PDB file of N, CA and C in Angstrom:
ATOM      1  N   UNK A   1     -10.471  -4.443  26.414  1.00  0.00           N
ATOM      2  CA  UNK A   1     -10.545  -4.452  24.961  1.00  0.00           C
ATOM      3  C   UNK A   1     -11.310  -3.218  24.483  1.00  0.00           C
ATOM      4  N   UNK A   2     -10.933  -2.770  23.311  1.00  0.00           N
ATOM      5  CA  UNK A   2     -11.516  -1.569  22.743  1.00  0.00           C
ATOM      6  C   UNK A   2     -11.807  -1.860  21.290  1.00  0.00           C
ATOM      7  N   UNK A   3     -12.975  -1.467  20.799  1.00  0.00           N
ATOM      8  CA  UNK A   3     -13.371  -1.747  19.420  1.00  0.00           C
ATOM      9  C   UNK A   3     -13.300  -0.471  18.584  1.00  0.00           C
ATOM     10  N   UNK A   4     -12.695  -0.596  17.412  1.00  0.00           N
ATOM     11  CA  UNK A   4     -12.707   0.454  16.398  1.00  0.00           C
ATOM     12  C   UNK A   4     -13.251  -0.217  15.152  1.00  0.00           C
ATOM     13  N   UNK A   5     -14.510   0.024  14.848  1.00  0.00           N
ATOM     14  CA  UNK A   5     -15.147  -0.691  13.748  1.00  0.00           C
ATOM     15  C   UNK A   5     -15.163  -2.167  14.060  1.00  0.00           C
ATOM     16  N   UNK A   6     -14.604  -2.965  13.157  1.00  0.00           N
ATOM     17  CA  UNK A   6     -14.555  -4.411  13.403  1.00  0.00           C
ATOM     18  C   UNK A   6     -13.209  -4.858  13.970  1.00  0.00           C
ATOM     19  N   UNK A   7     -12.354  -3.908  14.332  1.00  0.00           N
ATOM     20  CA  UNK A   7     -11.039  -4.221  14.903  1.00  0.00           C
ATOM     21  C   UNK A   7     -11.089  -4.122  16.427  1.00  0.00           C
ATOM     22  N   UNK A   8     -10.360  -4.983  17.094  1.00  0.00           N
ATOM     23  CA  UNK A   8     -10.265  -4.953  18.545  1.00  0.00           C
ATOM     24  C   UNK A   8      -8.845  -4.584  18.945  1.00  0.00           C
ATOM     25  N   UNK A   9      -8.733  -3.617  19.835  1.00  0.00           N
ATOM     26  CA  UNK A   9      -7.445  -3.145  20.327  1.00  0.00           C
ATOM     27  C   UNK A   9      -7.375  -3.491  21.809  1.00  0.00           C
ATOM     28  N   UNK A  10      -6.270  -4.089  22.234  1.00  0.00           N
ATOM     29  CA  UNK A  10      -6.139  -4.510  23.640  1.00  0.00           C
ATOM     30  C   UNK A  10      -6.060  -3.341  24.605  1.00  0.00           C
ATOM     31  N   UNK A  11      -5.357  -2.284  24.225  1.00  0.00           N
ATOM     32  CA  UNK A  11      -5.139  -1.137  25.108  1.00  0.00           C
ATOM     33  C   UNK A  11      -5.779   0.089  24.473  1.00  0.00           C
ATOM     34  N   UNK A  12      -6.638   0.811  25.197  1.00  0.00           N
ATOM     35  CA  UNK A  12      -7.305   1.981  24.618  1.00  0.00           C
ATOM     36  C   UNK A  12      -6.362   3.186  24.527  1.00  0.00           C
ATOM     37  N   UNK A  13      -5.380   3.077  23.654  1.00  0.00           N
ATOM     38  CA  UNK A  13      -4.380   4.125  23.506  1.00  0.00           C
ATOM     39  C   UNK A  13      -4.102   4.343  22.024  1.00  0.00           C
ATOM     40  N   UNK A  14      -4.156   5.598  21.600  1.00  0.00           N
ATOM     41  CA  UNK A  14      -3.789   5.961  20.227  1.00  0.00           C
ATOM     42  C   UNK A  14      -2.601   6.909  20.317  1.00  0.00           C
ATOM     43  N   UNK A  15      -1.497   6.496  19.718  1.00  0.00           N
ATOM     44  CA  UNK A  15      -0.300   7.346  19.661  1.00  0.00           C
ATOM     45  C   UNK A  15      -0.542   8.331  18.529  1.00  0.00           C
ATOM     46  N   UNK A  16      -0.570   9.602  18.846  1.00  0.00           N
ATOM     47  CA  UNK A  16      -0.876  10.632  17.855  1.00  0.00           C
ATOM     48  C   UNK A  16       0.206  10.770  16.801  1.00  0.00           C
ATOM     49  N   UNK A  17      -0.198  11.240  15.639  1.00  0.00           N
ATOM     50  CA  UNK A  17       0.741  11.461  14.548  1.00  0.00           C
ATOM     51  C   UNK A  17       1.484  12.773  14.732  1.00  0.00           C
ATOM     52  N   UNK A  18       2.789  12.689  14.985  1.00  0.00           N
ATOM     53  CA  UNK A  18       3.631  13.877  15.124  1.00  0.00           C
ATOM     54  C   UNK A  18       4.538  13.911  13.906  1.00  0.00           C
ATOM     55  N   UNK A  19       4.431  14.936  13.113  1.00  0.00           N
ATOM     56  CA  UNK A  19       5.081  14.974  11.810  1.00  0.00           C
ATOM     57  C   UNK A  19       6.562  15.266  11.811  1.00  0.00           C
ATOM     58  N   UNK A  20       7.108  15.212  10.623  1.00  0.00           N
ATOM     59  CA  UNK A  20       8.490  15.518  10.293  1.00  0.00           C
ATOM     60  C   UNK A  20       9.486  14.722  11.136  1.00  0.00           C
ATOM     61  N   UNK A  21       9.372  13.386  11.043  1.00  0.00           N
ATOM     62  CA  UNK A  21      10.386  12.507  11.609  1.00  0.00           C
ATOM     63  C   UNK A  21      10.151  11.999  13.013  1.00  0.00           C
ATOM     64  N   UNK A  22       9.007  12.272  13.632  1.00  0.00           N
ATOM     65  CA  UNK A  22       8.760  11.793  14.993  1.00  0.00           C
ATOM     66  C   UNK A  22       7.949  10.493  14.973  1.00  0.00           C
ATOM     67  N   UNK A  23       6.764  10.526  14.380  1.00  0.00           N
ATOM     68  CA  UNK A  23       5.886   9.345  14.347  1.00  0.00           C
ATOM     69  C   UNK A  23       6.179   8.513  13.105  1.00  0.00           C
ATOM     70  N   UNK A  24       7.194   7.693  13.217  1.00  0.00           N
ATOM     71  CA  UNK A  24       7.573   6.841  12.091  1.00  0.00           C
ATOM     72  C   UNK A  24       7.344   5.377  12.466  1.00  0.00           C
ATOM     73  N   UNK A  25       7.821   4.473  11.646  1.00  0.00           N
ATOM     74  CA  UNK A  25       7.536   3.061  11.793  1.00  0.00           C
ATOM     75  C   UNK A  25       7.952   2.438  13.106  1.00  0.00           C
ATOM     76  N   UNK A  26       9.093   2.804  13.605  1.00  0.00           N
ATOM     77  CA  UNK A  26       9.571   2.181  14.845  1.00  0.00           C
ATOM     78  C   UNK A  26       8.663   2.520  16.028  1.00  0.00           C
ATOM     79  N   UNK A  27       8.285   3.794  16.171  1.00  0.00           N
ATOM     80  CA  UNK A  27       7.396   4.200  17.258  1.00  0.00           C
ATOM     81  C   UNK A  27       6.016   3.574  17.084  1.00  0.00           C
ATOM     82  N   UNK A  28       5.451   3.646  15.884  1.00  0.00           N
ATOM     83  CA  UNK A  28       4.119   3.083  15.636  1.00  0.00           C
ATOM     84  C   UNK A  28       4.103   1.573  15.875  1.00  0.00           C
ATOM     85  N   UNK A  29       5.139   0.882  15.442  1.00  0.00           N
ATOM     86  CA  UNK A  29       5.225  -0.559  15.646  1.00  0.00           C
ATOM     87  C   UNK A  29       5.361  -0.936  17.105  1.00  0.00           C
ATOM     88  N   UNK A  30       6.119  -0.153  17.851  1.00  0.00           N
ATOM     89  CA  UNK A  30       6.293  -0.412  19.279  1.00  0.00           C
ATOM     90  C   UNK A  30       4.981  -0.209  20.031  1.00  0.00           C
ATOM     91  N   UNK A  31       4.259   0.862  19.704  1.00  0.00           N
ATOM     92  CA  UNK A  31       2.962   1.110  20.340  1.00  0.00           C
ATOM     93  C   UNK A  31       1.998  -0.033  20.023  1.00  0.00           C
ATOM     94  N   UNK A  32       1.969  -0.456  18.758  1.00  0.00           N
ATOM     95  CA  UNK A  32       1.085  -1.553  18.360  1.00  0.00           C
ATOM     96  C   UNK A  32       1.467  -2.860  19.060  1.00  0.00           C
ATOM     97  N   UNK A  33       2.764  -3.078  19.232  1.00  0.00           N
ATOM     98  CA  UNK A  33       3.219  -4.299  19.907  1.00  0.00           C
ATOM     99  C   UNK A  33       2.745  -4.353  21.352  1.00  0.00           C
ATOM    100  N   UNK A  34       2.534  -3.195  21.943  1.00  0.00           N
ATOM    101  CA  UNK A  34       2.067  -3.128  23.327  1.00  0.00           C
ATOM    102  C   UNK A  34       0.542  -3.134  23.415  1.00  0.00           C
ATOM    103  N   UNK A  35      -0.137  -3.224  22.270  1.00  0.00           N
ATOM    104  CA  UNK A  35      -1.587  -3.337  22.262  1.00  0.00           C
ATOM    105  C   UNK A  35      -2.340  -2.076  21.911  1.00  0.00           C
ATOM    106  N   UNK A  36      -1.639  -0.978  21.641  1.00  0.00           N
ATOM    107  CA  UNK A  36      -2.293   0.275  21.276  1.00  0.00           C
ATOM    108  C   UNK A  36      -2.371   0.441  19.763  1.00  0.00           C
ATOM    109  N   UNK A  37      -2.721   1.647  19.349  1.00  0.00           N
ATOM    110  CA  UNK A  37      -2.810   1.977  17.923  1.00  0.00           C
ATOM    111  C   UNK A  37      -1.667   2.926  17.593  1.00  0.00           C
ATOM    112  N   UNK A  38      -0.770   2.488  16.725  1.00  0.00           N
ATOM    113  CA  UNK A  38       0.355   3.317  16.299  1.00  0.00           C
ATOM    114  C   UNK A  38       0.029   4.043  15.014  1.00  0.00           C
ATOM    115  N   UNK A  39       0.432   5.292  14.923  1.00  0.00           N
ATOM    116  CA  UNK A  39       0.179   6.129  13.750  1.00  0.00           C
ATOM    117  C   UNK A  39       1.515   6.523  13.117  1.00  0.00           C
ATOM    118  N   UNK A  40       1.610   6.365  11.806  1.00  0.00           N
ATOM    119  CA  UNK A  40       2.770   6.853  11.053  1.00  0.00           C
ATOM    120  C   UNK A  40       2.346   8.154  10.387  1.00  0.00           C
ATOM    121  N   UNK A  41       2.996   9.241  10.762  1.00  0.00           N
ATOM    122  CA  UNK A  41       2.693  10.529  10.151  1.00  0.00           C
ATOM    123  C   UNK A  41       3.425  10.633   8.814  1.00  0.00           C
ATOM    124  N   UNK A  42       2.726  11.092   7.787  1.00  0.00           N
ATOM    125  CA  UNK A  42       3.366  11.250   6.482  1.00  0.00           C
ATOM    126  C   UNK A  42       3.753  12.697   6.191  1.00  0.00           C
ATOM    127  N   UNK A  43       3.649  13.575   7.184  1.00  0.00           N
ATOM    128  CA  UNK A  43       4.032  14.972   6.981  1.00  0.00           C
ATOM    129  C   UNK A  43       5.533  15.052   6.693  1.00  0.00           C
ATOM    130  N   UNK A  44       5.869  15.381   5.470  1.00  0.00           N
ATOM    131  CA  UNK A  44       7.268  15.483   5.031  1.00  0.00           C
ATOM    132  C   UNK A  44       8.051  14.211   5.306  1.00  0.00           C
ATOM    133  N   UNK A  45       7.414  13.054   5.222  1.00  0.00           N
ATOM    134  CA  UNK A  45       8.044  11.783   5.572  1.00  0.00           C
ATOM    135  C   UNK A  45       9.244  11.450   4.678  1.00  0.00           C
ATOM    136  N   UNK A  46       9.282  11.951   3.483  1.00  0.00           N
ATOM    137  CA  UNK A  46      10.376  11.629   2.573  1.00  0.00           C
ATOM    138  C   UNK A  46      11.582  12.540   2.662  1.00  0.00           C
ATOM    139  N   UNK A  47      11.619  13.430   3.658  1.00  0.00           N
ATOM    140  CA  UNK A  47      12.690  14.434   3.705  1.00  0.00           C
ATOM    141  C   UNK A  47      14.086  13.838   3.843  1.00  0.00           C
ATOM    142  N   UNK A  48      14.197  12.604   4.321  1.00  0.00           N
ATOM    143  CA  UNK A  48      15.529  11.983   4.458  1.00  0.00           C
ATOM    144  C   UNK A  48      15.965  11.248   3.201  1.00  0.00           C
ATOM    145  N   UNK A  49      15.087  11.153   2.213  1.00  0.00           N
ATOM    146  CA  UNK A  49      15.428  10.477   0.958  1.00  0.00           C
ATOM    147  C   UNK A  49      16.316  11.388   0.110  1.00  0.00           C
ATOM    148  N   UNK A  50      17.285  10.791  -0.564  1.00  0.00           N
ATOM    149  CA  UNK A  50      18.261  11.562  -1.347  1.00  0.00           C
ATOM    150  C   UNK A  50      17.629  12.402  -2.462  1.00  0.00           C
ATOM    151  N   UNK A  51      16.523  11.917  -3.044  1.00  0.00           N
ATOM    152  CA  UNK A  51      15.908  12.622  -4.175  1.00  0.00           C
ATOM    153  C   UNK A  51      14.693  13.455  -3.768  1.00  0.00           C
ATOM    154  N   UNK A  52      14.518  13.727  -2.497  1.00  0.00           N
ATOM    155  CA  UNK A  52      13.337  14.448  -2.039  1.00  0.00           C
ATOM    156  C   UNK A  52      13.203  15.825  -2.681  1.00  0.00           C
ATOM    157  N   UNK A  53      14.317  16.538  -2.843  1.00  0.00           N
ATOM    158  CA  UNK A  53      14.251  17.880  -3.439  1.00  0.00           C
ATOM    159  C   UNK A  53      13.914  17.837  -4.928  1.00  0.00           C
ATOM    160  N   UNK A  54      14.307  16.783  -5.644  1.00  0.00           N
ATOM    161  CA  UNK A  54      14.036  16.662  -7.075  1.00  0.00           C
ATOM    162  C   UNK A  54      12.691  16.016  -7.378  1.00  0.00           C
ATOM    163  N   UNK A  55      12.294  15.029  -6.569  1.00  0.00           N
ATOM    164  CA  UNK A  55      11.077  14.265  -6.827  1.00  0.00           C
ATOM    165  C   UNK A  55      10.393  13.911  -5.501  1.00  0.00           C
ATOM    166  N   UNK A  56       9.767  14.909  -4.867  1.00  0.00           N
ATOM    167  CA  UNK A  56       9.196  14.662  -3.540  1.00  0.00           C
ATOM    168  C   UNK A  56       8.081  13.615  -3.532  1.00  0.00           C
ATOM    169  N   UNK A  57       7.328  13.491  -4.594  1.00  0.00           N
ATOM    170  CA  UNK A  57       6.254  12.496  -4.644  1.00  0.00           C
ATOM    171  C   UNK A  57       6.776  11.073  -4.564  1.00  0.00           C
ATOM    172  N   UNK A  58       7.764  10.759  -5.384  1.00  0.00           N
ATOM    173  CA  UNK A  58       8.359   9.423  -5.382  1.00  0.00           C
ATOM    174  C   UNK A  58       9.075   9.150  -4.059  1.00  0.00           C
ATOM    175  N   UNK A  59       9.801  10.151  -3.574  1.00  0.00           N
ATOM    176  CA  UNK A  59      10.515   9.991  -2.298  1.00  0.00           C
ATOM    177  C   UNK A  59       9.536   9.749  -1.154  1.00  0.00           C
ATOM    178  N   UNK A  60       8.409  10.436  -1.170  1.00  0.00           N
ATOM    179  CA  UNK A  60       7.399  10.275  -0.126  1.00  0.00           C
ATOM    180  C   UNK A  60       6.795   8.879  -0.171  1.00  0.00           C
ATOM    181  N   UNK A  61       6.426   8.408  -1.343  1.00  0.00           N
ATOM    182  CA  UNK A  61       5.857   7.058  -1.460  1.00  0.00           C
ATOM    183  C   UNK A  61       6.843   5.997  -0.995  1.00  0.00           C
ATOM    184  N   UNK A  62       8.106   6.149  -1.369  1.00  0.00           N
ATOM    185  CA  UNK A  62       9.136   5.194  -0.952  1.00  0.00           C
ATOM    186  C   UNK A  62       9.277   5.209   0.573  1.00  0.00           C
ATOM    187  N   UNK A  63       9.297   6.398   1.159  1.00  0.00           N
ATOM    188  CA  UNK A  63       9.438   6.511   2.610  1.00  0.00           C
ATOM    189  C   UNK A  63       8.235   5.909   3.335  1.00  0.00           C
ATOM    190  N   UNK A  64       7.017   6.103   2.800  1.00  0.00           N
ATOM    191  CA  UNK A  64       5.822   5.510   3.416  1.00  0.00           C
ATOM    192  C   UNK A  64       5.934   3.995   3.405  1.00  0.00           C
ATOM    193  N   UNK A  65       6.314   3.424   2.256  1.00  0.00           N
ATOM    194  CA  UNK A  65       6.484   1.963   2.176  1.00  0.00           C
ATOM    195  C   UNK A  65       7.524   1.466   3.177  1.00  0.00           C
ATOM    196  N   UNK A  66       8.649   2.172   3.243  1.00  0.00           N
ATOM    197  CA  UNK A  66       9.730   1.769   4.155  1.00  0.00           C
ATOM    198  C   UNK A  66       9.289   1.837   5.618  1.00  0.00           C
ATOM    199  N   UNK A  67       8.591   2.904   5.992  1.00  0.00           N
ATOM    200  CA  UNK A  67       8.159   3.054   7.379  1.00  0.00           C
ATOM    201  C   UNK A  67       7.072   2.053   7.749  1.00  0.00           C
ATOM    202  N   UNK A  68       6.191   1.735   6.814  1.00  0.00           N
ATOM    203  CA  UNK A  68       5.176   0.722   7.094  1.00  0.00           C
ATOM    204  C   UNK A  68       5.822  -0.647   7.270  1.00  0.00           C
ATOM    205  N   UNK A  69       6.826  -0.941   6.465  1.00  0.00           N
ATOM    206  CA  UNK A  69       7.555  -2.206   6.622  1.00  0.00           C
ATOM    207  C   UNK A  69       8.288  -2.229   7.963  1.00  0.00           C
ATOM    208  N   UNK A  70       8.872  -1.091   8.353  1.00  0.00           N
ATOM    209  CA  UNK A  70       9.563  -1.000   9.637  1.00  0.00           C
ATOM    210  C   UNK A  70       8.572  -1.210  10.785  1.00  0.00           C
ATOM    211  N   UNK A  71       7.375  -0.663  10.682  1.00  0.00           N
ATOM    212  CA  UNK A  71       6.356  -0.856  11.719  1.00  0.00           C
ATOM    213  C   UNK A  71       5.957  -2.320  11.812  1.00  0.00           C
ATOM    214  N   UNK A  72       5.778  -2.964  10.670  1.00  0.00           N
ATOM    215  CA  UNK A  72       5.424  -4.384  10.669  1.00  0.00           C
ATOM    216  C   UNK A  72       6.523  -5.229  11.307  1.00  0.00           C
ATOM    217  N   UNK A  73       7.775  -4.890  11.043  1.00  0.00           N
ATOM    218  CA  UNK A  73       8.864  -5.689  11.614  1.00  0.00           C
ATOM    219  C   UNK A  73       9.052  -5.398  13.103  1.00  0.00           C
ATOM    220  N   UNK A  74       8.584  -4.239  13.567  1.00  0.00           N
ATOM    221  CA  UNK A  74       8.697  -3.894  14.990  1.00  0.00           C
ATOM    222  C   UNK A  74       7.631  -4.572  15.830  1.00  0.00           C
ATOM    223  N   UNK A  75       6.542  -4.981  15.198  1.00  0.00           N
ATOM    224  CA  UNK A  75       5.431  -5.548  15.971  1.00  0.00           C
ATOM    225  C   UNK A  75       4.643  -6.524  15.120  1.00  0.00           C
ATOM    226  N   UNK A  76       4.087  -7.501  15.777  1.00  0.00           N
ATOM    227  CA  UNK A  76       3.122  -8.370  15.116  1.00  0.00           C
ATOM    228  C   UNK A  76       1.771  -7.778  15.450  1.00  0.00           C
ATOM    229  N   UNK A  77       1.120  -7.237  14.441  1.00  0.00           N
ATOM    230  CA  UNK A  77      -0.130  -6.521  14.654  1.00  0.00           C
ATOM    231  C   UNK A  77      -1.271  -7.463  14.303  1.00  0.00           C
ATOM    232  N   UNK A  78      -1.739  -8.215  15.283  1.00  0.00           N
ATOM    233  CA  UNK A  78      -2.710  -9.271  15.013  1.00  0.00           C
ATOM    234  C   UNK A  78      -4.072  -8.745  14.600  1.00  0.00           C
ATOM    235  N   UNK A  79      -4.426  -7.539  14.984  1.00  0.00           N
ATOM    236  CA  UNK A  79      -5.739  -7.010  14.633  1.00  0.00           C
ATOM    237  C   UNK A  79      -5.734  -6.273  13.301  1.00  0.00           C
ATOM    238  N   UNK A  80      -4.556  -6.073  12.703  1.00  0.00           N
ATOM    239  CA  UNK A  80      -4.442  -5.307  11.460  1.00  0.00           C
ATOM    240  C   UNK A  80      -4.909  -6.154  10.283  1.00  0.00           C
ATOM    241  N   UNK A  81      -5.655  -5.590   9.348  1.00  0.00           N
ATOM    242  CA  UNK A  81      -6.100  -6.384   8.201  1.00  0.00           C
ATOM    243  C   UNK A  81      -4.930  -6.767   7.319  1.00  0.00           C
ATOM    244  N   UNK A  82      -4.990  -7.935   6.740  1.00  0.00           N
ATOM    245  CA  UNK A  82      -3.922  -8.337   5.826  1.00  0.00           C
ATOM    246  C   UNK A  82      -4.164  -7.669   4.480  1.00  0.00           C
ATOM    247  N   UNK A  83      -3.118  -7.520   3.721  1.00  0.00           N
ATOM    248  CA  UNK A  83      -3.261  -6.936   2.388  1.00  0.00           C
ATOM    249  C   UNK A  83      -2.931  -5.463   2.372  1.00  0.00           C
ATOM    250  N   UNK A  84      -3.817  -4.643   1.846  1.00  0.00           N
ATOM    251  CA  UNK A  84      -3.564  -3.226   1.634  1.00  0.00           C
ATOM    252  C   UNK A  84      -3.743  -2.428   2.922  1.00  0.00           C
ATOM    253  N   UNK A  85      -2.786  -1.529   3.173  1.00  0.00           N
ATOM    254  CA  UNK A  85      -2.901  -0.602   4.294  1.00  0.00           C
ATOM    255  C   UNK A  85      -2.781   0.802   3.737  1.00  0.00           C
ATOM    256  N   UNK A  86      -3.471   1.736   4.348  1.00  0.00           N
ATOM    257  CA  UNK A  86      -3.356   3.137   3.950  1.00  0.00           C
ATOM    258  C   UNK A  86      -2.916   3.953   5.156  1.00  0.00           C
ATOM    259  N   UNK A  87      -1.829   4.696   5.021  1.00  0.00           N
ATOM    260  CA  UNK A  87      -1.395   5.532   6.139  1.00  0.00           C
ATOM    261  C   UNK A  87      -2.335   6.716   6.298  1.00  0.00           C
ATOM    262  N   UNK A  88      -2.407   7.268   7.493  1.00  0.00           N
ATOM    263  CA  UNK A  88      -3.187   8.475   7.722  1.00  0.00           C
ATOM    264  C   UNK A  88      -2.334   9.646   7.272  1.00  0.00           C
ATOM    265  N   UNK A  89      -2.835  10.422   6.317  1.00  0.00           N
ATOM    266  CA  UNK A  89      -2.022  11.512   5.788  1.00  0.00           C
ATOM    267  C   UNK A  89      -2.901  12.605   5.186  1.00  0.00           C
ATOM    268  N   UNK A  90      -2.295  13.734   4.956  1.00  0.00           N
ATOM    269  CA  UNK A  90      -2.993  14.827   4.296  1.00  0.00           C
ATOM    270  C   UNK A  90      -2.858  14.733   2.789  1.00  0.00           C
ATOM    271  N   UNK A  91      -1.787  14.154   2.324  1.00  0.00           N
ATOM    272  CA  UNK A  91      -1.583  13.985   0.896  1.00  0.00           C
ATOM    273  C   UNK A  91      -2.491  12.879   0.378  1.00  0.00           C
ATOM    274  N   UNK A  92      -2.824  12.944  -0.868  1.00  0.00           N
ATOM    275  CA  UNK A  92      -3.611  11.887  -1.470  1.00  0.00           C
ATOM    276  C   UNK A  92      -2.649  10.873  -2.061  1.00  0.00           C
ATOM    277  N   UNK A  93      -2.522   9.739  -1.398  1.00  0.00           N
ATOM    278  CA  UNK A  93      -1.590   8.690  -1.827  1.00  0.00           C
ATOM    279  C   UNK A  93      -2.353   7.459  -2.237  1.00  0.00           C
ATOM    280  N   UNK A  94      -1.812   6.700  -3.177  1.00  0.00           N
ATOM    281  CA  UNK A  94      -2.445   5.422  -3.536  1.00  0.00           C
ATOM    282  C   UNK A  94      -2.235   4.419  -2.408  1.00  0.00           C
ATOM    283  N   UNK A  95      -3.028   3.336  -2.376  1.00  0.00           N
ATOM    284  CA  UNK A  95      -2.804   2.304  -1.367  1.00  0.00           C
ATOM    285  C   UNK A  95      -1.381   1.760  -1.463  1.00  0.00           C
ATOM    286  N   UNK A  96      -0.793   1.467  -0.317  1.00  0.00           N
ATOM    287  CA  UNK A  96       0.571   0.947  -0.260  1.00  0.00           C
ATOM    288  C   UNK A  96       0.508  -0.539   0.016  1.00  0.00           C
ATOM    289  N   UNK A  97       1.068  -1.349  -0.877  1.00  0.00           N
ATOM    290  CA  UNK A  97       1.073  -2.798  -0.706  1.00  0.00           C
ATOM    291  C   UNK A  97       2.385  -3.213  -0.073  1.00  0.00           C
ATOM    292  N   UNK A  98       2.307  -3.955   1.037  1.00  0.00           N
ATOM    293  CA  UNK A  98       3.556  -4.429   1.633  1.00  0.00           C
ATOM    294  C   UNK A  98       3.496  -5.929   1.770  1.00  0.00           C
TER     295      UNK A  98
END
């Protein structure tokens, strides 16, 4: 067991955030399902959204919500706090409610 603050992680492994389409919800959820810490990178996360070129802020927020939901469906993250989650990112984003 490994402690990060008040959270306990079964496997002392952190999957690093690799941007632009690599570290998304499926990978982060799979790592978490195996007991590690999965990271969703938000670097250009909205690039696959149809309106990214016109409204990158909205597209990015939508993509973050979608990827966090995908991570949750990929794994049951028992140590994760319920309620608000914040992705690790360079952009300043509001809390994402899922």
